[in-house]
Every structure is written in C-alpha cells, then in structure tokens.
Amino acid sequence: MTVNQILQEMSWRLGNRSDINPRILTWLNDAYFELLLTPRFTFFQIDRSYTWVASRGVYIYQVSTATPDLWFIIDVRNEVYQTKLRRKDPTEFDRTWRIDGIPERYTRFQDHIEIFPTPDMDYPMTTRYRVRPPELEQGGAHMLTREWDEVLTTMAVTKGWESLEQWDKANSQKTLTELQLSRRFDAFQMDDIDSEATIGVEYGPGYTGRI
C-alpha cells in the first residue's frame, strides 16, 4: 500500500471526519516509527553495514562521515579477531585510563564513536546499523514490505482515536494490533524455520520421502 492508500483507509476507519485530514499523516508517522523501534521484530529492509579501519593510535571516529543515514548501531565487529565489540556507557570510558591494545569496547556519543583500548595497529572493522527512514509523505511509500501494511494501518488508527480521546475505540484497536503482531514472525524466526518441507529443497541421495 502507498502512503495515500493507508491515509484513505485510516480516514474510513476513523469515520470519514473532515476535521482530521490535517492530522492523519502525523498519526501515521508516529505509528511508523513506533513500529520500527519495536524490539520484537527485525526489519532487514532498513539494515545496512559498512567496513572501515580503526587506525593505530586513533580512538574517536565521526559517524556521519561514513554513514550519514545512520539511525542506531546494531553492532561493531573486529574482523581481525572475529569478535564483536561490547557497547559501554560513555561515562565508563571517562573513568578508565586509556591504553593501547586490541579494541574490545565502544561507545557512541553525539556524532562520534569511541573505541577502547586505543588500536595498537590497524584493525578492519564492520559496523551494522539501521537506516533512519525519512518521514512518510503523501504520494510516497514506506520502507517495509506488504505484510506490515495492516499492522501499520491499525497502529495509526489507534493513534488517531487516542488523539481524539476516544479511549474505548483506541483500546480495541490496541488489542487488534497485538493480535496482528502475534501472527507475524520476526525475520530471524523465518530464517530459522525448518525448510525441508518447503518448495525448492534439493534432497540428497537415498531420500525416500518418509519421515
């Protein structure tokens, strides 16, 4: 569904009130970003990765230079030792004497990430992160796939009823949203499902079709 189609559906579900037209796009954007921040689901459509080098003697790196579309960091990986850096609070680094060594921890503050220890040599790194989606606009489209259209619409309608202080209707929509979410698998769950019963699987020699 396009943004315009979702807005039209929202208008119908909210009673075709003309006084809400200037506000429904705001409700849709509120629901959109709330869904994207839901920790229950992973959205590969907006995940990215980039490689960079932690240079010897340099422990602070600007984020926006390499990833201007970064929303938040998923993880940072040291490719030399194939280990993931642990994320720490910036204040912990403030209480720690800086030493040289193999980077094991990182923190993000403002437009920078800081790693610890300070690299004692050049280390190739990979950062996985989530893209900050642009706000939805009339005539545009969201970045998710078709299976999320209904959930997004229901969540946006919930925002509408809450703004209109129609609490009973808002609560019923919240219940419906939870029901819809419970019917959807996270991307990792879909990847982990046993695929031997699915179409296109090549079976090895000696397969008889018996379980």
C-alpha atoms as a PDB file:
ATOM      1  CA  MET A   1       0.000   0.000   0.000  1.00  0.00           C
ATOM      2  CA  THR A   2       1.151   3.509  -0.739  1.00  0.00           C
ATOM      3  CA  VAL A   3       1.019   6.260   1.852  1.00  0.00           C
ATOM      4  CA  ASN A   4      -2.067   7.718   0.177  1.00  0.00           C
ATOM      5  CA  GLN A   5      -3.838   4.356   0.304  1.00  0.00           C
ATOM      6  CA  ILE A   6      -3.083   3.966   4.000  1.00  0.00           C
ATOM      7  CA  LEU A   7      -4.286   7.507   4.702  1.00  0.00           C
ATOM      8  CA  GLN A   8      -7.528   6.792   2.858  1.00  0.00           C
ATOM      9  CA  GLU A   9      -8.040   3.581   4.826  1.00  0.00           C
ATOM     10  CA  MET A  10      -7.359   5.444   8.071  1.00  0.00           C
ATOM     11  CA  SER A  11      -9.919   8.078   7.139  1.00  0.00           C
ATOM     12  CA  TRP A  12     -12.563   5.407   6.534  1.00  0.00           C
ATOM     13  CA  ARG A  13     -11.853   3.633   9.819  1.00  0.00           C
ATOM     14  CA  LEU A  14     -11.922   6.908  11.741  1.00  0.00           C
ATOM     15  CA  GLY A  15     -15.367   7.800  10.420  1.00  0.00           C
ATOM     16  CA  ASN A  16     -14.570   9.974   7.384  1.00  0.00           C
ATOM     17  CA  ARG A  17     -14.274  13.071   9.554  1.00  0.00           C
ATOM     18  CA  SER A  18     -13.077  16.079   7.594  1.00  0.00           C
ATOM     19  CA  ASP A  19     -11.546  17.727  10.676  1.00  0.00           C
ATOM     20  CA  ILE A  20      -8.860  15.042  10.986  1.00  0.00           C
ATOM     21  CA  ASN A  21      -7.405  15.397   7.485  1.00  0.00           C
ATOM     22  CA  PRO A  22      -4.549  17.725   8.548  1.00  0.00           C
ATOM     23  CA  ARG A  23      -3.586  15.312  11.340  1.00  0.00           C
ATOM     24  CA  ILE A  24      -3.747  11.783   9.974  1.00  0.00           C
ATOM     25  CA  LEU A  25      -0.316  11.957   8.331  1.00  0.00           C
ATOM     26  CA  THR A  26       1.180  12.810  11.736  1.00  0.00           C
ATOM     27  CA  TRP A  27      -0.574   9.819  13.299  1.00  0.00           C
ATOM     28  CA  LEU A  28       0.725   7.579  10.533  1.00  0.00           C
ATOM     29  CA  ASN A  29       4.310   8.760  11.052  1.00  0.00           C
ATOM     30  CA  ASP A  30       4.014   8.257  14.815  1.00  0.00           C
ATOM     31  CA  ALA A  31       2.851   4.684  14.258  1.00  0.00           C
ATOM     32  CA  TYR A  32       5.507   4.063  11.609  1.00  0.00           C
ATOM     33  CA  PHE A  33       8.444   4.972  13.819  1.00  0.00           C
ATOM     34  CA  GLU A  34       6.933   3.204  16.812  1.00  0.00           C
ATOM     35  CA  LEU A  35       6.722   0.005  14.765  1.00  0.00           C
ATOM     36  CA  LEU A  36      10.303   0.362  13.526  1.00  0.00           C
ATOM     37  CA  LEU A  37      11.532   0.713  17.107  1.00  0.00           C
ATOM     38  CA  THR A  38       9.640  -2.364  18.323  1.00  0.00           C
ATOM     39  CA  PRO A  39      12.309  -4.722  19.722  1.00  0.00           C
ATOM     40  CA  ARG A  40      10.143  -7.743  18.876  1.00  0.00           C
ATOM     41  CA  PHE A  41      10.909  -7.501  15.171  1.00  0.00           C
ATOM     42  CA  THR A  42      13.864  -7.103  12.838  1.00  0.00           C
ATOM     43  CA  PHE A  43      13.482  -5.183   9.601  1.00  0.00           C
ATOM     44  CA  PHE A  44      16.205  -6.236   7.192  1.00  0.00           C
ATOM     45  CA  GLN A  45      14.879  -3.731   4.655  1.00  0.00           C
ATOM     46  CA  ILE A  46      16.401  -0.878   6.631  1.00  0.00           C
ATOM     47  CA  ASP A  47      19.555  -2.599   7.897  1.00  0.00           C
ATOM     48  CA  ARG A  48      22.940  -1.751   6.412  1.00  0.00           C
ATOM     49  CA  SER A  49      26.615  -2.469   7.059  1.00  0.00           C
ATOM     50  CA  TYR A  50      29.856  -0.746   6.192  1.00  0.00           C
ATOM     51  CA  THR A  51      33.527  -1.580   6.622  1.00  0.00           C
ATOM     52  CA  TRP A  52      36.123   0.800   7.969  1.00  0.00           C
ATOM     53  CA  VAL A  53      39.555   0.746   9.554  1.00  0.00           C
ATOM     54  CA  ALA A  54      40.301   1.508  13.186  1.00  0.00           C
ATOM     55  CA  SER A  55      43.669   3.159  12.663  1.00  0.00           C
ATOM     56  CA  ARG A  56      46.594   2.803  15.008  1.00  0.00           C
ATOM     57  CA  GLY A  57      46.566   5.467  17.714  1.00  0.00           C
ATOM     58  CA  VAL A  58      43.096   6.811  16.772  1.00  0.00           C
ATOM     59  CA  TYR A  59      40.207   6.069  19.127  1.00  0.00           C
ATOM     60  CA  ILE A  60      37.487   8.578  18.111  1.00  0.00           C
ATOM     61  CA  TYR A  61      35.675   8.345  14.775  1.00  0.00           C
ATOM     62  CA  GLN A  62      32.960  10.536  13.306  1.00  0.00           C
ATOM     63  CA  VAL A  63      29.780   8.629  12.493  1.00  0.00           C
ATOM     64  CA  SER A  64      28.091  10.878   9.936  1.00  0.00           C
ATOM     65  CA  THR A  65      31.111  10.944   7.634  1.00  0.00           C
ATOM     66  CA  ALA A  66      30.794   7.261   6.710  1.00  0.00           C
ATOM     67  CA  THR A  67      27.113   6.682   7.493  1.00  0.00           C
ATOM     68  CA  PRO A  68      25.048   9.854   7.109  1.00  0.00           C
ATOM     69  CA  ASP A  69      21.867   7.743   7.113  1.00  0.00           C
ATOM     70  CA  LEU A  70      22.639   6.018  10.444  1.00  0.00           C
ATOM     71  CA  TRP A  71      19.804   5.776  12.954  1.00  0.00           C
ATOM     72  CA  PHE A  72      21.353   3.496  15.553  1.00  0.00           C
ATOM     73  CA  ILE A  73      24.198   0.975  15.695  1.00  0.00           C
ATOM     74  CA  ILE A  74      23.351  -2.725  15.863  1.00  0.00           C
ATOM     75  CA  ASP A  75      26.896  -3.942  16.471  1.00  0.00           C
ATOM     76  CA  VAL A  76      30.585  -3.321  15.699  1.00  0.00           C
ATOM     77  CA  ARG A  77      32.826  -6.244  14.740  1.00  0.00           C
ATOM     78  CA  ASN A  78      36.609  -6.599  14.803  1.00  0.00           C
ATOM     79  CA  GLU A  79      37.322  -8.511  11.590  1.00  0.00           C
ATOM     80  CA  VAL A  80      40.885  -9.440  12.543  1.00  0.00           C
ATOM     81  CA  TYR A  81      39.855 -11.458  15.590  1.00  0.00           C
ATOM     82  CA  GLN A  82      36.234 -12.070  14.503  1.00  0.00           C
ATOM     83  CA  THR A  83      34.865 -10.646  17.740  1.00  0.00           C
ATOM     84  CA  LYS A  84      32.065  -8.234  18.494  1.00  0.00           C
ATOM     85  CA  LEU A  85      32.899  -5.108  20.475  1.00  0.00           C
ATOM     86  CA  ARG A  86      30.897  -4.663  23.669  1.00  0.00           C
ATOM     87  CA  ARG A  87      28.910  -1.450  23.910  1.00  0.00           C
ATOM     88  CA  LYS A  88      29.535   0.620  27.033  1.00  0.00           C
ATOM     89  CA  ASP A  89      28.279   3.832  28.577  1.00  0.00           C
ATOM     90  CA  PRO A  90      30.418   6.921  27.788  1.00  0.00           C
ATOM     91  CA  THR A  91      30.943   7.600  31.492  1.00  0.00           C
ATOM     92  CA  GLU A  92      32.731   4.271  31.879  1.00  0.00           C
ATOM     93  CA  PHE A  93      35.406   5.434  29.452  1.00  0.00           C
ATOM     94  CA  ASP A  94      35.738   8.659  31.440  1.00  0.00           C
ATOM     95  CA  ARG A  95      36.806   6.620  34.472  1.00  0.00           C
ATOM     96  CA  THR A  96      39.301   4.450  32.586  1.00  0.00           C
ATOM     97  CA  TRP A  97      42.962   5.084  31.834  1.00  0.00           C
ATOM     98  CA  ARG A  98      43.493   4.916  28.114  1.00  0.00           C
ATOM     99  CA  ILE A  99      45.803   2.145  26.934  1.00  0.00           C
ATOM    100  CA  ASP A 100      46.856   0.693  23.585  1.00  0.00           C
ATOM    101  CA  GLY A 101      45.733  -2.756  22.525  1.00  0.00           C
ATOM    102  CA  ILE A 102      43.050  -4.731  20.688  1.00  0.00           C
ATOM    103  CA  PRO A 103      39.753  -2.783  20.569  1.00  0.00           C
ATOM    104  CA  GLU A 104      37.172  -4.612  22.697  1.00  0.00           C
ATOM    105  CA  ARG A 105      34.617  -1.956  23.617  1.00  0.00           C
ATOM    106  CA  TYR A 106      32.944   1.040  22.051  1.00  0.00           C
ATOM    107  CA  THR A 107      30.565   3.805  22.971  1.00  0.00           C
ATOM    108  CA  ARG A 108      28.579   6.306  20.952  1.00  0.00           C
ATOM    109  CA  PHE A 109      28.281   9.946  21.953  1.00  0.00           C
ATOM    110  CA  GLN A 110      26.836  12.689  19.747  1.00  0.00           C
ATOM    111  CA  ASP A 111      28.229  12.183  16.229  1.00  0.00           C
ATOM    112  CA  HIS A 112      31.171  10.019  17.280  1.00  0.00           C
ATOM    113  CA  ILE A 113      32.028   6.527  18.381  1.00  0.00           C
ATOM    114  CA  GLU A 114      34.935   5.940  20.736  1.00  0.00           C
ATOM    115  CA  ILE A 115      36.722   2.604  20.969  1.00  0.00           C
ATOM    116  CA  PHE A 116      38.809   1.142  23.785  1.00  0.00           C
ATOM    117  CA  PRO A 117      41.633   0.246  24.012  1.00  0.00           C
ATOM    118  CA  THR A 118      43.241   2.597  21.510  1.00  0.00           C
ATOM    119  CA  PRO A 119      44.224   0.450  18.494  1.00  0.00           C
ATOM    120  CA  ASP A 120      47.841  -0.695  18.630  1.00  0.00           C
ATOM    121  CA  MET A 121      47.691  -1.416  14.879  1.00  0.00           C
ATOM    122  CA  ASP A 122      45.205  -1.004  12.036  1.00  0.00           C
ATOM    123  CA  TYR A 123      42.091  -3.163  12.507  1.00  0.00           C
ATOM    124  CA  PRO A 124      39.453  -3.697   9.801  1.00  0.00           C
ATOM    125  CA  MET A 125      36.004  -3.227  11.340  1.00  0.00           C
ATOM    126  CA  THR A 126      32.422  -3.814  10.243  1.00  0.00           C
ATOM    127  CA  THR A 127      29.547  -1.801  11.644  1.00  0.00           C
ATOM    128  CA  ARG A 128      25.986  -2.991  11.211  1.00  0.00           C
ATOM    129  CA  TYR A 129      23.371  -0.315  11.670  1.00  0.00           C
ATOM    130  CA  ARG A 130      19.784   0.649  10.998  1.00  0.00           C
ATOM    131  CA  VAL A 131      18.962   3.365   8.497  1.00  0.00           C
ATOM    132  CA  ARG A 132      16.941   6.335   9.692  1.00  0.00           C
ATOM    133  CA  PRO A 133      13.876   6.277   7.443  1.00  0.00           C
ATOM    134  CA  PRO A 134      12.552   9.582   6.145  1.00  0.00           C
ATOM    135  CA  GLU A 135       9.166  10.725   7.358  1.00  0.00           C
ATOM    136  CA  LEU A 136       6.265   9.450   5.311  1.00  0.00           C
ATOM    137  CA  GLU A 137       4.795  11.938   2.862  1.00  0.00           C
ATOM    138  CA  GLN A 138       1.651  11.999   0.774  1.00  0.00           C
ATOM    139  CA  GLY A 139       2.287  10.349  -2.567  1.00  0.00           C
ATOM    140  CA  GLY A 140       5.215   8.349  -1.187  1.00  0.00           C
ATOM    141  CA  ALA A 141       5.728   4.835   0.146  1.00  0.00           C
ATOM    142  CA  HIS A 142       7.043   3.297   3.348  1.00  0.00           C
ATOM    143  CA  MET A 143      10.181   1.150   3.501  1.00  0.00           C
ATOM    144  CA  LEU A 144       8.559  -2.010   4.847  1.00  0.00           C
ATOM    145  CA  THR A 145       7.101  -4.916   2.903  1.00  0.00           C
ATOM    146  CA  ARG A 146       3.472  -5.760   2.175  1.00  0.00           C
ATOM    147  CA  GLU A 147       2.874  -7.883   5.278  1.00  0.00           C
ATOM    148  CA  TRP A 148       3.227  -4.816   7.510  1.00  0.00           C
ATOM    149  CA  ASP A 149       0.577  -2.667   5.814  1.00  0.00           C
ATOM    150  CA  GLU A 150      -2.288  -3.883   8.006  1.00  0.00           C
ATOM    151  CA  VAL A 151      -0.336  -3.569  11.261  1.00  0.00           C
ATOM    152  CA  LEU A 152       0.837  -0.086  10.347  1.00  0.00           C
ATOM    153  CA  THR A 153      -2.697   0.993   9.448  1.00  0.00           C
ATOM    154  CA  THR A 154      -4.163  -0.357  12.688  1.00  0.00           C
ATOM    155  CA  MET A 155      -1.460   1.293  14.794  1.00  0.00           C
ATOM    156  CA  ALA A 156      -2.055   4.610  13.029  1.00  0.00           C
ATOM    157  CA  VAL A 157      -5.811   4.354  13.617  1.00  0.00           C
ATOM    158  CA  THR A 158      -5.061   3.717  17.292  1.00  0.00           C
ATOM    159  CA  LYS A 159      -3.038   6.942  17.388  1.00  0.00           C
ATOM    160  CA  GLY A 160      -5.999   8.725  15.847  1.00  0.00           C
ATOM    161  CA  TRP A 161      -8.517   7.505  18.401  1.00  0.00           C
ATOM    162  CA  GLU A 162      -6.115   8.364  21.219  1.00  0.00           C
ATOM    163  CA  SER A 163      -5.707  11.903  19.896  1.00  0.00           C
ATOM    164  CA  LEU A 164      -9.480  12.221  19.635  1.00  0.00           C
ATOM    165  CA  GLU A 165      -9.776  10.906  23.220  1.00  0.00           C
ATOM    166  CA  GLN A 166     -11.941   8.013  22.114  1.00  0.00           C
ATOM    167  CA  TRP A 167     -10.367   5.664  24.641  1.00  0.00           C
ATOM    168  CA  ASP A 168     -12.677   2.668  24.198  1.00  0.00           C
ATOM    169  CA  LYS A 169     -12.058   2.608  20.460  1.00  0.00           C
ATOM    170  CA  ALA A 170      -8.333   3.162  20.980  1.00  0.00           C
ATOM    171  CA  ASN A 171      -8.131   0.216  23.385  1.00  0.00           C
ATOM    172  CA  SER A 172      -9.968  -2.070  20.980  1.00  0.00           C
ATOM    173  CA  GLN A 173      -7.507  -1.092  18.243  1.00  0.00           C
ATOM    174  CA  LYS A 174      -4.580  -1.799  20.574  1.00  0.00           C
ATOM    175  CA  THR A 175      -5.965  -5.274  21.182  1.00  0.00           C
ATOM    176  CA  LEU A 176      -6.304  -5.773  17.439  1.00  0.00           C
ATOM    177  CA  THR A 177      -2.728  -4.576  16.914  1.00  0.00           C
ATOM    178  CA  GLU A 178      -1.401  -7.138  19.403  1.00  0.00           C
ATOM    179  CA  LEU A 179      -3.390  -9.861  17.654  1.00  0.00           C
ATOM    180  CA  GLN A 180      -1.966  -8.861  14.284  1.00  0.00           C
ATOM    181  CA  LEU A 181       1.585  -8.707  15.640  1.00  0.00           C
ATOM    182  CA  SER A 182       1.249 -12.152  17.198  1.00  0.00           C
ATOM    183  CA  ARG A 183       0.549 -13.586  13.741  1.00  0.00           C
ATOM    184  CA  ARG A 184       3.793 -12.274  12.315  1.00  0.00           C
ATOM    185  CA  PHE A 185       7.222 -13.814  12.602  1.00  0.00           C
ATOM    186  CA  ASP A 186      10.406 -11.896  13.052  1.00  0.00           C
ATOM    187  CA  ALA A 187      12.820 -12.132  10.130  1.00  0.00           C
ATOM    188  CA  PHE A 188      15.226 -14.226  12.225  1.00  0.00           C
ATOM    189  CA  GLN A 189      12.402 -16.631  13.094  1.00  0.00           C
ATOM    190  CA  MET A 190      11.565 -17.030   9.424  1.00  0.00           C
ATOM    191  CA  ASP A 191      15.204 -17.784   8.635  1.00  0.00           C
ATOM    192  CA  ASP A 192      15.324 -20.411  11.395  1.00  0.00           C
ATOM    193  CA  ILE A 193      12.206 -22.308  10.307  1.00  0.00           C
ATOM    194  CA  ASP A 194      12.973 -25.851   9.125  1.00  0.00           C
ATOM    195  CA  SER A 195      12.823 -25.582   5.341  1.00  0.00           C
ATOM    196  CA  GLU A 196      12.811 -29.283   4.452  1.00  0.00           C
ATOM    197  CA  ALA A 197       9.080 -29.206   3.824  1.00  0.00           C
ATOM    198  CA  THR A 198       9.182 -26.129   1.617  1.00  0.00           C
ATOM    199  CA  ILE A 199       9.234 -25.810  -2.144  1.00  0.00           C
ATOM    200  CA  GLY A 200      12.562 -25.906  -3.940  1.00  0.00           C
ATOM    201  CA  VAL A 201      14.552 -28.009  -1.493  1.00  0.00           C
ATOM    202  CA  GLU A 202      17.062 -30.393  -3.070  1.00  0.00           C
ATOM    203  CA  TYR A 203      17.190 -33.694  -1.227  1.00  0.00           C
ATOM    204  CA  GLY A 204      20.293 -35.855  -1.143  1.00  0.00           C
ATOM    205  CA  PRO A 205      20.814 -39.384  -2.484  1.00  0.00           C
ATOM    206  CA  GLY A 206      18.718 -42.070  -0.814  1.00  0.00           C
ATOM    207  CA  TYR A 207      15.798 -39.791   0.103  1.00  0.00           C
ATOM    208  CA  THR A 208      12.592 -41.884   0.203  1.00  0.00           C
ATOM    209  CA  GLY A 209      10.068 -39.250   1.196  1.00  0.00           C
ATOM    210  CA  ARG A 210       9.432 -40.957   4.539  1.00  0.00           C
ATOM    211  CA  ILE A 211       9.539 -39.106   7.824  1.00  0.00           C
END
